[in-house]
C-alpha atoms as a PDB file:
ATOM      1  CA  MET A   1     114.611  70.411  88.770  1.00  0.00           C
ATOM      2  CA  LYS A   2     113.042  73.676  89.890  1.00  0.00           C
ATOM      3  CA  ARG A   3     111.495  73.546  93.337  1.00  0.00           C
ATOM      4  CA  TYR A   4     108.417  75.573  94.191  1.00  0.00           C
ATOM      5  CA  SER A   5     108.326  77.195  97.593  1.00  0.00           C
ATOM      6  CA  LEU A   6     105.325  77.637  99.815  1.00  0.00           C
ATOM      7  CA  SER A   7     105.072  81.323  98.891  1.00  0.00           C
ATOM      8  CA  ASN A   8     104.783  80.475  95.181  1.00  0.00           C
ATOM      9  CA  LEU A   9     102.073  77.940  95.955  1.00  0.00           C
ATOM     10  CA  ILE A  10     100.118  80.474  98.006  1.00  0.00           C
ATOM     11  CA  LEU A  11     100.486  83.026  95.194  1.00  0.00           C
ATOM     12  CA  VAL A  12      99.141  80.591  92.589  1.00  0.00           C
ATOM     13  CA  LEU A  13      96.226  79.568  94.807  1.00  0.00           C
ATOM     14  CA  GLY A  14      95.412  83.209  95.552  1.00  0.00           C
ATOM     15  CA  LEU A  15      95.375  84.166  91.874  1.00  0.00           C
ATOM     16  CA  PHE A  16      93.320  81.067  91.096  1.00  0.00           C
ATOM     17  CA  PHE A  17      90.823  81.996  93.799  1.00  0.00           C
ATOM     18  CA  ILE A  18      90.524  85.570  92.485  1.00  0.00           C
ATOM     19  CA  TYR A  19      90.291  84.955  88.746  1.00  0.00           C
ATOM     20  CA  LEU A  20      88.417  81.653  88.577  1.00  0.00           C
ATOM     21  CA  PRO A  21      85.018  83.277  89.318  1.00  0.00           C
ATOM     22  CA  MET A  22      85.665  85.803  86.542  1.00  0.00           C
ATOM     23  CA  VAL A  23      86.422  83.033  84.075  1.00  0.00           C
ATOM     24  CA  ILE A  24      83.241  81.200  85.079  1.00  0.00           C
ATOM     25  CA  LEU A  25      81.286  84.443  84.690  1.00  0.00           C
ATOM     26  CA  VAL A  26      82.572  84.954  81.143  1.00  0.00           C
ATOM     27  CA  ILE A  27      81.842  81.335  80.195  1.00  0.00           C
ATOM     28  CA  TYR A  28      78.273  81.476  81.476  1.00  0.00           C
ATOM     29  CA  SER A  29      77.665  84.724  79.606  1.00  0.00           C
ATOM     30  CA  PHE A  30      77.686  82.554  76.449  1.00  0.00           C
ATOM     31  CA  ASN A  31      75.179  80.090  77.899  1.00  0.00           C
ATOM     32  CA  GLU A  32      72.240  79.278  75.642  1.00  0.00           C
ATOM     33  CA  SER A  33      69.955  78.482  78.558  1.00  0.00           C
ATOM     34  CA  ARG A  34      68.123  81.174  80.502  1.00  0.00           C
ATOM     35  CA  LEU A  35      68.875  79.287  83.707  1.00  0.00           C
ATOM     36  CA  VAL A  36      72.329  80.281  84.886  1.00  0.00           C
ATOM     37  CA  THR A  37      72.972  76.988  86.677  1.00  0.00           C
ATOM     38  CA  VAL A  38      72.076  74.864  83.616  1.00  0.00           C
ATOM     39  CA  TRP A  39      74.449  74.752  80.648  1.00  0.00           C
ATOM     40  CA  GLY A  40      72.572  74.759  77.349  1.00  0.00           C
ATOM     41  CA  GLY A  41      75.343  75.263  74.819  1.00  0.00           C
ATOM     42  CA  TRP A  42      77.230  78.207  73.375  1.00  0.00           C
ATOM     43  CA  SER A  43      75.364  81.302  72.228  1.00  0.00           C
ATOM     44  CA  VAL A  44      75.839  85.072  71.912  1.00  0.00           C
ATOM     45  CA  LYS A  45      72.152  85.951  72.057  1.00  0.00           C
ATOM     46  CA  TRP A  46      72.485  87.579  75.484  1.00  0.00           C
ATOM     47  CA  TYR A  47      75.039  90.043  74.111  1.00  0.00           C
ATOM     48  CA  VAL A  48      72.725  90.839  71.221  1.00  0.00           C
ATOM     49  CA  GLY A  49      69.811  91.134  73.630  1.00  0.00           C
ATOM     50  CA  LEU A  50      71.600  93.878  75.549  1.00  0.00           C
ATOM     51  CA  LEU A  51      70.773  96.270  72.729  1.00  0.00           C
ATOM     52  CA  ASP A  52      67.058  95.792  73.402  1.00  0.00           C
ATOM     53  CA  ASN A  53      67.392  95.980  77.203  1.00  0.00           C
ATOM     54  CA  THR A  54      66.980  99.739  77.513  1.00  0.00           C
ATOM     55  CA  GLN A  55      66.717  99.658  81.298  1.00  0.00           C
ATOM     56  CA  LEU A  56      70.044  97.904  81.813  1.00  0.00           C
ATOM     57  CA  MET A  57      71.868  99.888  79.133  1.00  0.00           C
ATOM     58  CA  GLY A  58      70.476 103.126  80.571  1.00  0.00           C
ATOM     59  CA  ALA A  59      71.908 102.186  83.958  1.00  0.00           C
ATOM     60  CA  VAL A  60      75.277 101.503  82.308  1.00  0.00           C
ATOM     61  CA  MET A  61      75.331 104.904  80.616  1.00  0.00           C
ATOM     62  CA  ARG A  62      74.329 106.698  83.818  1.00  0.00           C
ATOM     63  CA  SER A  63      77.058 104.921  85.774  1.00  0.00           C
ATOM     64  CA  LEU A  64      79.681 105.782  83.165  1.00  0.00           C
ATOM     65  CA  GLU A  65      78.577 109.417  83.115  1.00  0.00           C
ATOM     66  CA  VAL A  66      78.692 109.748  86.897  1.00  0.00           C
ATOM     67  CA  ALA A  67      82.049 107.952  87.091  1.00  0.00           C
ATOM     68  CA  PHE A  68      83.567 110.211  84.421  1.00  0.00           C
ATOM     69  CA  TYR A  69      82.546 113.455  86.118  1.00  0.00           C
ATOM     70  CA  THR A  70      83.464 112.024  89.519  1.00  0.00           C
ATOM     71  CA  ALA A  71      86.994 111.262  88.336  1.00  0.00           C
ATOM     72  CA  ILE A  72      87.466 114.825  87.072  1.00  0.00           C
ATOM     73  CA  ALA A  73      86.090 116.503  90.208  1.00  0.00           C
ATOM     74  CA  ALA A  74      87.886 114.139  92.590  1.00  0.00           C
ATOM     75  CA  VAL A  75      91.249 114.726  90.889  1.00  0.00           C
ATOM     76  CA  ALA A  76      90.790 118.504  91.082  1.00  0.00           C
ATOM     77  CA  LEU A  77      89.703 118.587  94.724  1.00  0.00           C
ATOM     78  CA  GLY A  78      92.096 115.870  95.870  1.00  0.00           C
ATOM     79  CA  THR A  79      95.060 117.558  94.192  1.00  0.00           C
ATOM     80  CA  MET A  80      94.285 120.899  95.843  1.00  0.00           C
ATOM     81  CA  ALA A  81      93.926 119.251  99.248  1.00  0.00           C
ATOM     82  CA  ALA A  82      97.188 117.334  98.793  1.00  0.00           C
ATOM     83  CA  PHE A  83      98.993 120.487  97.679  1.00  0.00           C
ATOM     84  CA  VAL A  84      97.814 122.382 100.769  1.00  0.00           C
ATOM     85  CA  LEU A  85      98.847 119.588 103.136  1.00  0.00           C
ATOM     86  CA  THR A  86     102.316 119.175 101.600  1.00  0.00           C
ATOM     87  CA  ARG A  87     103.285 122.700 100.520  1.00  0.00           C
ATOM     88  CA  ILE A  88     101.848 124.568 103.521  1.00  0.00           C
ATOM     89  CA  PRO A  89     103.302 122.679 106.489  1.00  0.00           C
ATOM     90  CA  ARG A  90     102.001 124.991 109.209  1.00  0.00           C
ATOM     91  CA  PHE A  91      98.659 126.730 109.355  1.00  0.00           C
ATOM     92  CA  ARG A  92      95.905 126.952 111.916  1.00  0.00           C
ATOM     93  CA  GLY A  93      93.612 123.954 111.713  1.00  0.00           C
ATOM     94  CA  ARG A  94      95.981 121.793 109.673  1.00  0.00           C
ATOM     95  CA  THR A  95      95.372 118.695 111.808  1.00  0.00           C
ATOM     96  CA  MET A  96      91.612 119.088 111.552  1.00  0.00           C
ATOM     97  CA  PHE A  97      91.806 119.708 107.806  1.00  0.00           C
ATOM     98  CA  GLY A  98      93.943 116.611 107.276  1.00  0.00           C
ATOM     99  CA  GLY A  99      91.525 114.556 109.336  1.00  0.00           C
ATOM    100  CA  LEU A 100      88.543 115.828 107.356  1.00  0.00           C
ATOM    101  CA  VAL A 101      90.293 115.032 104.063  1.00  0.00           C
ATOM    102  CA  THR A 102      91.113 111.444 105.028  1.00  0.00           C
ATOM    103  CA  ALA A 103      87.934 110.755 107.032  1.00  0.00           C
ATOM    104  CA  PRO A 104      86.069 109.064 104.123  1.00  0.00           C
ATOM    105  CA  LEU A 105      88.827 106.433 103.997  1.00  0.00           C
ATOM    106  CA  VAL A 106      87.925 105.045 107.422  1.00  0.00           C
ATOM    107  CA  MET A 107      84.286 106.090 107.625  1.00  0.00           C
ATOM    108  CA  PRO A 108      81.771 103.303 106.884  1.00  0.00           C
ATOM    109  CA  GLU A 109      79.897 104.011 103.665  1.00  0.00           C
ATOM    110  CA  VAL A 110      76.574 103.506 105.443  1.00  0.00           C
ATOM    111  CA  ILE A 111      77.310 106.422 107.777  1.00  0.00           C
ATOM    112  CA  THR A 112      78.600 108.574 104.926  1.00  0.00           C
ATOM    113  CA  GLY A 113      75.540 107.834 102.802  1.00  0.00           C
ATOM    114  CA  LEU A 114      73.123 108.517 105.646  1.00  0.00           C
ATOM    115  CA  SER A 115      74.901 111.777 106.514  1.00  0.00           C
ATOM    116  CA  LEU A 116      74.742 112.971 102.921  1.00  0.00           C
ATOM    117  CA  LEU A 117      71.076 112.012 102.681  1.00  0.00           C
ATOM    118  CA  LEU A 118      70.254 114.082 105.774  1.00  0.00           C
ATOM    119  CA  LEU A 119      72.332 116.955 104.367  1.00  0.00           C
ATOM    120  CA  PHE A 120      70.474 116.966 101.054  1.00  0.00           C
ATOM    121  CA  VAL A 121      67.098 116.792 102.811  1.00  0.00           C
ATOM    122  CA  ALA A 122      68.017 119.712 105.076  1.00  0.00           C
ATOM    123  CA  MET A 123      69.310 121.771 102.150  1.00  0.00           C
ATOM    124  CA  ALA A 124      66.113 121.107 100.191  1.00  0.00           C
ATOM    125  CA  GLN A 125      64.064 122.399 103.102  1.00  0.00           C
ATOM    126  CA  LEU A 126      66.236 125.465 103.724  1.00  0.00           C
ATOM    127  CA  VAL A 127      67.283 126.681 100.267  1.00  0.00           C
ATOM    128  CA  GLY A 128      65.130 124.539  97.982  1.00  0.00           C
ATOM    129  CA  TRP A 129      68.070 122.686  96.431  1.00  0.00           C
ATOM    130  CA  PRO A 130      68.252 119.899  95.505  1.00  0.00           C
ATOM    131  CA  ALA A 131      64.575 119.720  94.666  1.00  0.00           C
ATOM    132  CA  GLN A 132      64.920 115.976  94.146  1.00  0.00           C
ATOM    133  CA  ARG A 133      67.769 113.539  94.418  1.00  0.00           C
ATOM    134  CA  GLY A 134      69.297 112.212  91.222  1.00  0.00           C
ATOM    135  CA  LEU A 135      72.534 112.026  89.266  1.00  0.00           C
ATOM    136  CA  VAL A 136      73.806 115.326  90.712  1.00  0.00           C
ATOM    137  CA  THR A 137      73.516 114.137  94.297  1.00  0.00           C
ATOM    138  CA  ILE A 138      75.153 110.819  93.372  1.00  0.00           C
ATOM    139  CA  TRP A 139      77.990 112.746  91.733  1.00  0.00           C
ATOM    140  CA  ILE A 140      78.477 114.909  94.838  1.00  0.00           C
ATOM    141  CA  ALA A 141      78.504 111.847  97.090  1.00  0.00           C
ATOM    142  CA  HIS A 142      80.992 109.971  94.906  1.00  0.00           C
ATOM    143  CA  THR A 143      83.236 113.023  94.619  1.00  0.00           C
ATOM    144  CA  THR A 144      83.278 113.415  98.392  1.00  0.00           C
ATOM    145  CA  PHE A 145      84.252 109.779  98.782  1.00  0.00           C
ATOM    146  CA  CYS A 146      86.846 109.573  96.003  1.00  0.00           C
ATOM    147  CA  SER A 147      88.631 112.859  96.735  1.00  0.00           C
ATOM    148  CA  ALA A 148      90.193 111.297  99.826  1.00  0.00           C
ATOM    149  CA  TYR A 149      91.825 108.543  97.755  1.00  0.00           C
ATOM    150  CA  VAL A 150      93.167 111.043  95.238  1.00  0.00           C
ATOM    151  CA  ALA A 151      94.554 113.236  98.030  1.00  0.00           C
ATOM    152  CA  VAL A 152      96.474 110.332  99.564  1.00  0.00           C
ATOM    153  CA  VAL A 153      97.932 109.254  96.205  1.00  0.00           C
ATOM    154  CA  VAL A 154      98.958 112.767  95.187  1.00  0.00           C
ATOM    155  CA  MET A 155     100.416 113.572  98.631  1.00  0.00           C
ATOM    156  CA  ALA A 156     102.711 110.564  98.372  1.00  0.00           C
ATOM    157  CA  ARG A 157     103.985 111.846  95.030  1.00  0.00           C
ATOM    158  CA  LEU A 158     104.366 115.476  96.132  1.00  0.00           C
ATOM    159  CA  ARG A 159     106.506 114.474  99.118  1.00  0.00           C
ATOM    160  CA  GLU A 160     108.977 112.788  96.746  1.00  0.00           C
ATOM    161  CA  LEU A 161     109.465 115.788  94.436  1.00  0.00           C
ATOM    162  CA  ASP A 162     112.612 117.844  94.423  1.00  0.00           C
ATOM    163  CA  LEU A 163     111.625 121.358  95.458  1.00  0.00           C
ATOM    164  CA  SER A 164     114.800 122.823  93.972  1.00  0.00           C
ATOM    165  CA  ILE A 165     113.283 122.646  90.464  1.00  0.00           C
ATOM    166  CA  GLU A 166     110.254 124.695  91.487  1.00  0.00           C
ATOM    167  CA  GLU A 167     112.435 127.127  93.448  1.00  0.00           C
ATOM    168  CA  ALA A 168     114.730 127.584  90.446  1.00  0.00           C
ATOM    169  CA  ALA A 169     111.757 128.375  88.228  1.00  0.00           C
ATOM    170  CA  MET A 170     110.460 130.975  90.685  1.00  0.00           C
ATOM    171  CA  ASP A 171     113.954 132.483  90.983  1.00  0.00           C
ATOM    172  CA  LEU A 172     113.914 132.929  87.199  1.00  0.00           C
ATOM    173  CA  GLY A 173     110.705 134.940  87.426  1.00  0.00           C
ATOM    174  CA  ALA A 174     107.968 132.356  86.965  1.00  0.00           C
ATOM    175  CA  ARG A 175     104.781 132.991  88.911  1.00  0.00           C
ATOM    176  CA  PRO A 176     103.516 130.324  91.350  1.00  0.00           C
ATOM    177  CA  TRP A 177     100.531 129.359  89.182  1.00  0.00           C
ATOM    178  CA  LYS A 178     102.828 128.967  86.165  1.00  0.00           C
ATOM    179  CA  VAL A 179     105.243 126.813  88.156  1.00  0.00           C
ATOM    180  CA  PHE A 180     102.351 124.654  89.298  1.00  0.00           C
ATOM    181  CA  PHE A 181     100.878 124.038  85.847  1.00  0.00           C
ATOM    182  CA  LEU A 182     104.136 123.818  83.845  1.00  0.00           C
ATOM    183  CA  ILE A 183     106.432 122.048  86.329  1.00  0.00           C
ATOM    184  CA  THR A 184     104.539 120.496  89.235  1.00  0.00           C
ATOM    185  CA  VAL A 185     101.597 119.050  87.304  1.00  0.00           C
ATOM    186  CA  PRO A 186     103.755 117.251  84.666  1.00  0.00           C
ATOM    187  CA  MET A 187     105.873 115.713  87.441  1.00  0.00           C
ATOM    188  CA  ILE A 188     102.825 114.429  89.331  1.00  0.00           C
ATOM    189  CA  ALA A 189     100.940 113.409  86.188  1.00  0.00           C
ATOM    190  CA  PRO A 190     101.274 109.633  86.901  1.00  0.00           C
ATOM    191  CA  SER A 191      99.717 110.086  90.340  1.00  0.00           C
ATOM    192  CA  LEU A 192      96.917 112.187  88.844  1.00  0.00           C
ATOM    193  CA  ALA A 193      96.199 109.489  86.295  1.00  0.00           C
ATOM    194  CA  ALA A 194      96.247 106.823  88.994  1.00  0.00           C
ATOM    195  CA  GLY A 195      93.895 108.851  91.175  1.00  0.00           C
ATOM    196  CA  GLY A 196      91.553 109.450  88.259  1.00  0.00           C
ATOM    197  CA  MET A 197      91.371 105.775  87.330  1.00  0.00           C
ATOM    198  CA  LEU A 198      90.888 104.804  90.968  1.00  0.00           C
ATOM    199  CA  SER A 199      88.062 107.331  91.332  1.00  0.00           C
ATOM    200  CA  PHE A 200      86.434 106.105  88.132  1.00  0.00           C
ATOM    201  CA  ALA A 201      86.547 102.499  89.333  1.00  0.00           C
ATOM    202  CA  LEU A 202      85.257 103.338  92.820  1.00  0.00           C
ATOM    203  CA  SER A 203      82.390 105.399  91.436  1.00  0.00           C
ATOM    204  CA  LEU A 204      81.447 102.729  88.909  1.00  0.00           C
ATOM    205  CA  ASP A 205      81.452 100.085  91.647  1.00  0.00           C
ATOM    206  CA  ASP A 206      79.673 102.007  94.411  1.00  0.00           C
ATOM    207  CA  LEU A 207      76.319 100.721  95.613  1.00  0.00           C
ATOM    208  CA  VAL A 208      75.855 101.954  99.191  1.00  0.00           C
ATOM    209  CA  LEU A 209      76.252 105.703  98.633  1.00  0.00           C
ATOM    210  CA  ALA A 210      74.175 105.649  95.467  1.00  0.00           C
ATOM    211  CA  SER A 211      71.391 103.772  97.253  1.00  0.00           C
ATOM    212  CA  PHE A 212      71.093 106.551  99.848  1.00  0.00           C
ATOM    213  CA  VAL A 213      71.322 109.640  97.621  1.00  0.00           C
ATOM    214  CA  SER A 214      69.662 108.449  94.394  1.00  0.00           C
ATOM    215  CA  GLY A 215      66.145 109.229  93.311  1.00  0.00           C
ATOM    216  CA  PRO A 216      63.602 108.199  90.678  1.00  0.00           C
ATOM    217  CA  GLY A 217      65.181 107.728  87.274  1.00  0.00           C
ATOM    218  CA  ALA A 218      68.728 107.766  88.671  1.00  0.00           C
ATOM    219  CA  THR A 219      69.423 104.057  89.011  1.00  0.00           C
ATOM    220  CA  THR A 220      73.086 103.170  88.489  1.00  0.00           C
ATOM    221  CA  LEU A 221      74.446  99.876  87.217  1.00  0.00           C
ATOM    222  CA  PRO A 222      75.332  98.417  90.659  1.00  0.00           C
ATOM    223  CA  MET A 223      71.841  99.275  91.906  1.00  0.00           C
ATOM    224  CA  GLU A 224      70.254  97.697  88.827  1.00  0.00           C
ATOM    225  CA  ILE A 225      72.330  94.533  89.162  1.00  0.00           C
ATOM    226  CA  PHE A 226      71.677  94.277  92.897  1.00  0.00           C
ATOM    227  CA  SER A 227      67.913  94.602  92.445  1.00  0.00           C
ATOM    228  CA  ALA A 228      67.961  92.052  89.633  1.00  0.00           C
ATOM    229  CA  VAL A 229      70.135  89.532  91.507  1.00  0.00           C
ATOM    230  CA  ARG A 230      67.689  89.511  94.403  1.00  0.00           C
ATOM    231  CA  LEU A 231      65.189  87.866  92.037  1.00  0.00           C
ATOM    232  CA  GLY A 232      67.789  85.626  90.414  1.00  0.00           C
ATOM    233  CA  VAL A 233      70.836  86.092  88.221  1.00  0.00           C
ATOM    234  CA  LYS A 234      69.885  86.853  84.626  1.00  0.00           C
ATOM    235  CA  PRO A 235      72.110  85.994  81.657  1.00  0.00           C
ATOM    236  CA  GLU A 236      72.106  89.656  80.583  1.00  0.00           C
ATOM    237  CA  ILE A 237      73.909  90.527  83.811  1.00  0.00           C
ATOM    238  CA  ASN A 238      76.642  88.032  83.000  1.00  0.00           C
ATOM    239  CA  ALA A 239      77.005  89.606  79.557  1.00  0.00           C
ATOM    240  CA  VAL A 240      77.259  93.143  80.955  1.00  0.00           C
ATOM    241  CA  ALA A 241      79.791  92.054  83.558  1.00  0.00           C
ATOM    242  CA  SER A 242      81.861  90.298  80.880  1.00  0.00           C
ATOM    243  CA  LEU A 243      81.882  93.433  78.722  1.00  0.00           C
ATOM    244  CA  ILE A 244      83.028  95.498  81.714  1.00  0.00           C
ATOM    245  CA  LEU A 245      85.828  93.002  82.360  1.00  0.00           C
ATOM    246  CA  LEU A 246      86.847  93.261  78.708  1.00  0.00           C
ATOM    247  CA  VAL A 247      86.931  97.061  78.763  1.00  0.00           C
ATOM    248  CA  VAL A 248      88.879  97.132  82.034  1.00  0.00           C
ATOM    249  CA  SER A 249      91.369  94.578  80.714  1.00  0.00           C
ATOM    250  CA  ILE A 250      91.935  96.575  77.528  1.00  0.00           C
ATOM    251  CA  ALA A 251      92.350  99.835  79.470  1.00  0.00           C
ATOM    252  CA  THR A 252      94.795  98.169  81.876  1.00  0.00           C
ATOM    253  CA  PHE A 253      96.830  96.745  78.993  1.00  0.00           C
ATOM    254  CA  ILE A 254      96.974 100.134  77.262  1.00  0.00           C
ATOM    255  CA  ALA A 255      98.082 101.845  80.476  1.00  0.00           C
ATOM    256  CA  TRP A 256     100.750  99.176  81.042  1.00  0.00           C
ATOM    257  CA  TYR A 257     101.970  99.469  77.450  1.00  0.00           C
ATOM    258  CA  MET A 258     102.175 103.264  77.570  1.00  0.00           C
ATOM    259  CA  THR A 259     104.009 103.173  80.911  1.00  0.00           C
ATOM    260  CA  ARG A 260     106.480 100.597  79.634  1.00  0.00           C
ATOM    261  CA  ARG A 261     107.030 102.594  76.472  1.00  0.00           C
ATOM    262  CA  ALA A 262     107.661 105.772  78.456  1.00  0.00           C
ATOM    263  CA  ASP A 263     110.133 103.933  80.716  1.00  0.00           C
ATOM    264  CA  ARG A 264     112.028 102.639  77.694  1.00  0.00           C
ATOM    265  CA  ARG A 265     112.202 106.115  76.195  1.00  0.00           C
ATOM    266  CA  ARG A 266     113.457 107.545  79.471  1.00  0.00           C
ATOM    267  CA  GLN A 267     116.115 104.849  79.832  1.00  0.00           C
ATOM    268  CA  LYS A 268     117.190 105.364  76.226  1.00  0.00           C
ATOM    269  CA  ALA A 269     117.439 109.111  76.712  1.00  0.00           C
ATOM    270  CA  MET A 270     119.489 108.645  79.891  1.00  0.00           C
ATOM    271  CA  GLN A 271     121.812 106.217  78.104  1.00  0.00           C
ATOM    272  CA  GLU A 272     122.294 108.613  75.185  1.00  0.00           C
ATOM    273  CA  ALA A 273     122.978 111.467  77.587  1.00  0.00           C
ATOM    274  CA  MET A 274     125.595 109.396  79.399  1.00  0.00           C
ATOM    275  CA  GLU A 275     127.242 108.447  76.094  1.00  0.00           C
ATOM    276  CA  ASP A 276     127.304 112.083  74.980  1.00  0.00           C
ATOM    277  CA  ALA A 277     128.830 113.098  78.288  1.00  0.00           C
ATOM    278  CA  THR A 278     131.477 110.383  77.920  1.00  0.00           C
ATOM    279  CA  LEU A 279     132.323 111.547  74.398  1.00  0.00           C
ATOM    280  CA  ASP A 280     132.610 115.148  75.569  1.00  0.00           C
ATOM    281  CA  VAL A 281     135.105 114.111  78.249  1.00  0.00           C
ATOM    282  CA  ALA A 282     137.061 111.644  76.098  1.00  0.00           C
ATOM    283  CA  GLY A 283     137.170 113.742  72.933  1.00  0.00           C
ATOM    284  CA  PRO A 284     136.802 112.595  69.314  1.00  0.00           C
ATOM    285  CA  SER A 285     139.722 110.123  69.500  1.00  0.00           C
ATOM    286  CA  GLY A 286     138.227 108.237  72.440  1.00  0.00           C
ATOM    287  CA  ARG A 287     141.065 109.252  74.756  1.00  0.00           C
ATOM    288  CA  PRO A 288     140.752 111.677  77.650  1.00  0.00           C
ATOM    289  CA  THR A 289     141.522 115.196  76.527  1.00  0.00           C
ATOM    290  CA  MET A 290     144.481 116.874  78.150  1.00  0.00           C
ATOM    291  CA  LEU A 291     144.277 120.541  78.967  1.00  0.00           C
ATOM    292  CA  PRO A 292     147.260 122.582  77.666  1.00  0.00           C
ATOM    293  CA  PRO A 293     149.717 123.736  80.303  1.00  0.00           C
ATOM    294  CA  PRO A 294     149.398 127.347  81.382  1.00  0.00           C
ATOM    295  CA  ALA A 295     151.683 129.770  79.543  1.00  0.00           C
ATOM    296  CA  HIS A 296     154.500 131.263  81.619  1.00  0.00           C
ATOM    297  CA  SER A 297     155.080 134.934  81.329  1.00  0.00           C
END
């Protein structure tokens, strides 16, 4: 009989504690009753009603748009910062630059949001931009916040790379920018994808920064849900949250499947290469080939 240890029990309870609220959320998204705490039977009318809720769907589209552009900008800026910190070990101000890059990781979002708000107000008074806060200011704030996460992820990958491959390419005449795009970027592609997905999720989930730097007509999904929950949870919110869980689950499954498929291909290629190397050493008969003795003059 298999015995369960205390660690397995804690793991099961932890997973149960994390995923049980999500299951309850999905179940109540099919509730017939408008009251969330009262079960009135199964129905999909709240999913159909999302098509008529232009305010909520507009917030969803704005959040997806900001998250998409934030992921692109954060990956670009974070990768450049990580490359500077790993490939240029010594330069004046390196410690300060590294601290500025990683500061958003430990800085409370309230302070970051307030600082950005004061910055945008001062810039509007000095140069006239931004004239009003909106999606652009939210995008700038989210990019500032997410670039730190991308930099940390990419730095961890860059420190593990073998520099001899890049040095060999430069010895053969390749320019540094060509080495970066054709050799370095493909090798750090998994970390770039991870940083992009992390930035997308953080931007889609952010409420504090968006509350400080948003303006009229720039309400994101977390802001819309937070303002609606203050008056009571609506069934449409459960439906939107369930759809987001579905999309995230599908994206996670696709990423896992593609990663597993790539690992299998790599293992198969390594196995075939080892078999070919064995055949080259053993010869066609399967026995080790013997070199002929040197001819005596």
